[in-house]
């Protein structure tokens, strides 16, 4: 079975809610890309406070966590199969903003770094209630966390 055939089969099995999430995720990724392109250097994110970091680890209602995971999956799918392939920061911004738009407060954008085979790498992802949202946990785990950041309100 070809990749295209598998993709079409998967799309055919999506529920109405998953389709809506997928379309919103694509729009969210486009908006996040524009935000990343247009914000002046140093004006997109800023360090979070220690109080915000503590709130991230607090207990989360299972229904909210399920919904957060669904929205993260939609952004991941849109990023993998949509109209463009956004970098991790754009994906993280899109996930965070989608969660906020759906009333799911308290997600945090994280930034990490690693050295692998003499090459420096950096990655951005989102955590909510101590769980990685919309990203591969093993991939995220290969980075040493540098900072927890939050989006800066528009100037």
Protein backbone atom coordinates (compact mmCIF):
# COMPACT_ATOMS: atom_id res chain seq x y z
CA UNK A 1 0.00 0.00 0.00
CA UNK A 2 1.50 3.35 -1.03
CA UNK A 3 1.88 6.27 1.34
CA UNK A 4 -0.79 8.21 -0.56
CA UNK A 5 -3.23 5.30 -0.33
CA UNK A 6 -2.63 5.00 3.42
CA UNK A 7 -3.11 8.74 3.84
CA UNK A 8 -6.38 8.73 1.88
CA UNK A 9 -7.63 5.75 3.86
CA UNK A 10 -6.79 7.50 7.13
CA UNK A 11 -8.51 10.70 6.00
CA UNK A 12 -11.62 8.71 5.10
CA UNK A 13 -11.81 7.31 8.63
CA UNK A 14 -11.58 10.68 10.43
CA UNK A 15 -14.64 11.76 12.39
CA UNK A 16 -16.34 15.10 11.77
CA UNK A 17 -14.66 16.52 14.89
CA UNK A 18 -11.24 15.33 13.70
CA UNK A 19 -11.82 16.99 10.32
CA UNK A 20 -12.78 20.27 12.00
CA UNK A 21 -9.73 20.04 14.28
CA UNK A 22 -7.49 19.29 11.29
CA UNK A 23 -8.76 22.30 9.34
CA UNK A 24 -8.43 24.57 12.38
CA UNK A 25 -4.94 23.22 12.97
CA UNK A 26 -3.92 24.06 9.39
CA UNK A 27 -5.20 27.61 9.81
CA UNK A 28 -3.48 27.77 13.21
CA UNK A 29 -0.17 26.68 11.70
CA UNK A 30 -0.42 29.32 8.98
CA UNK A 31 -1.20 32.00 11.59
CA UNK A 32 1.68 30.81 13.79
CA UNK A 33 4.06 30.91 10.81
CA UNK A 34 3.05 34.49 10.05
CA UNK A 35 3.49 35.37 13.74
CA UNK A 36 6.99 33.87 13.81
CA UNK A 37 7.93 35.65 10.57
CA UNK A 38 6.58 39.05 11.55
CA UNK A 39 7.54 39.41 15.23
CA UNK A 40 10.84 41.24 15.69
CA UNK A 41 13.69 39.15 17.10
CA UNK A 42 13.25 38.78 20.84
CA UNK A 43 9.55 39.75 20.78
CA UNK A 44 7.91 36.36 20.23
CA UNK A 45 8.54 34.63 23.56
CA UNK A 46 9.89 35.47 26.99
CA UNK A 47 10.91 33.39 30.02
CA UNK A 48 8.07 32.16 32.21
CA UNK A 49 7.87 32.69 35.94
CA UNK A 50 8.49 29.95 38.49
CA UNK A 51 4.81 30.14 39.52
CA UNK A 52 3.74 29.35 35.97
CA UNK A 53 6.11 26.39 35.89
CA UNK A 54 4.60 25.00 39.08
CA UNK A 55 1.08 25.34 37.64
CA UNK A 56 2.10 23.23 34.65
CA UNK A 57 2.66 20.22 36.90
CA UNK A 58 -0.72 20.46 38.64
CA UNK A 59 -3.44 17.85 38.17
CA UNK A 60 -5.50 18.24 35.01
CA UNK A 61 -9.01 16.96 34.38
CA UNK A 62 -8.84 13.84 32.19
CA UNK A 63 -11.37 15.32 29.73
CA UNK A 64 -9.20 18.42 29.26
CA UNK A 65 -6.09 16.31 28.83
CA UNK A 66 -7.86 14.15 26.21
CA UNK A 67 -8.97 17.26 24.33
CA UNK A 68 -5.48 18.78 24.55
CA UNK A 69 -4.03 15.56 23.10
CA UNK A 70 -6.62 15.60 20.27
CA UNK A 71 -5.76 19.19 19.38
CA UNK A 72 -2.03 18.42 19.52
CA UNK A 73 -2.58 15.46 17.20
CA UNK A 74 -4.49 17.68 14.77
CA UNK A 75 -1.59 20.17 14.64
CA UNK A 76 0.88 17.32 14.19
CA UNK A 77 -1.15 15.87 11.31
CA UNK A 78 -1.59 19.26 9.65
CA UNK A 79 2.14 19.89 9.99
CA UNK A 80 3.05 16.51 8.54
CA UNK A 81 0.51 16.39 5.70
CA UNK A 82 -0.80 19.93 5.22
CA UNK A 83 0.12 22.74 2.86
CA UNK A 84 3.61 23.29 4.34
CA UNK A 85 6.06 21.66 6.77
CA UNK A 86 6.49 24.06 9.70
CA UNK A 87 9.46 23.99 12.02
CA UNK A 88 9.04 22.98 15.65
CA UNK A 89 8.68 26.52 17.00
CA UNK A 90 5.79 27.22 14.63
CA UNK A 91 4.16 23.93 15.62
CA UNK A 92 4.60 24.73 19.32
CA UNK A 93 3.12 28.20 18.90
CA UNK A 94 0.17 26.73 16.97
CA UNK A 95 -0.50 24.04 19.61
CA UNK A 96 -0.29 26.54 22.46
CA UNK A 97 -2.61 29.00 20.73
CA UNK A 98 -5.12 26.26 19.81
CA UNK A 99 -5.25 25.07 23.40
CA UNK A 100 -5.81 28.62 24.62
CA UNK A 101 -8.52 29.19 21.99
CA UNK A 102 -10.33 26.09 23.26
CA UNK A 103 -10.22 27.29 26.87
CA UNK A 104 -7.42 24.92 27.85
CA UNK A 105 -5.17 27.16 29.94
CA UNK A 106 -1.78 26.43 31.41
CA UNK A 107 0.15 24.93 28.50
CA UNK A 108 3.78 25.93 28.25
CA UNK A 109 6.18 26.17 25.34
CA UNK A 110 9.47 24.48 26.19
CA UNK A 111 12.83 24.84 24.45
CA UNK A 112 15.64 22.31 24.61
CA UNK A 113 19.04 21.65 23.07
CA UNK A 114 21.27 18.68 22.34
CA UNK A 115 24.58 17.72 20.78
CA UNK A 116 24.48 14.70 18.51
CA UNK A 117 27.45 13.57 16.42
CA UNK A 118 29.10 16.93 16.97
CA UNK A 119 26.07 18.88 15.76
CA UNK A 120 24.04 21.27 17.85
CA UNK A 121 20.27 20.91 17.71
CA UNK A 122 17.39 22.78 19.30
CA UNK A 123 13.71 21.90 19.63
CA UNK A 124 10.52 23.55 20.85
CA UNK A 125 7.47 21.67 22.14
CA UNK A 126 4.39 22.15 24.31
CA UNK A 127 3.64 20.64 27.71
CA UNK A 128 0.32 20.66 29.49
CA UNK A 129 -0.16 19.19 32.93
CA UNK A 130 3.31 17.67 32.73
CA UNK A 131 2.55 15.86 29.44
CA UNK A 132 4.00 16.53 25.99
CA UNK A 133 1.26 17.65 23.60
CA UNK A 134 1.45 17.19 19.82
CA UNK A 135 5.01 15.87 19.72
CA UNK A 136 6.92 12.62 20.06
CA UNK A 137 7.86 12.02 23.71
CA UNK A 138 11.02 10.11 22.82
CA UNK A 139 12.19 12.87 20.49
CA UNK A 140 11.49 15.54 23.11
CA UNK A 141 13.32 13.44 25.71
CA UNK A 142 16.52 13.61 23.68
CA UNK A 143 16.80 17.35 24.38
CA UNK A 144 18.00 19.02 27.59
CA UNK A 145 15.48 21.66 28.54
CA UNK A 146 16.86 25.15 28.27
CA UNK A 147 13.87 27.27 29.03
CA UNK A 148 10.17 27.43 29.54
CA UNK A 149 8.77 30.36 27.62
CA UNK A 150 5.44 32.01 26.99
CA UNK A 151 4.20 33.97 24.00
CA UNK A 152 4.48 37.72 24.32
CA UNK A 153 1.24 39.61 23.76
CA UNK A 154 1.12 41.55 20.51
CA UNK A 155 2.93 44.90 20.72
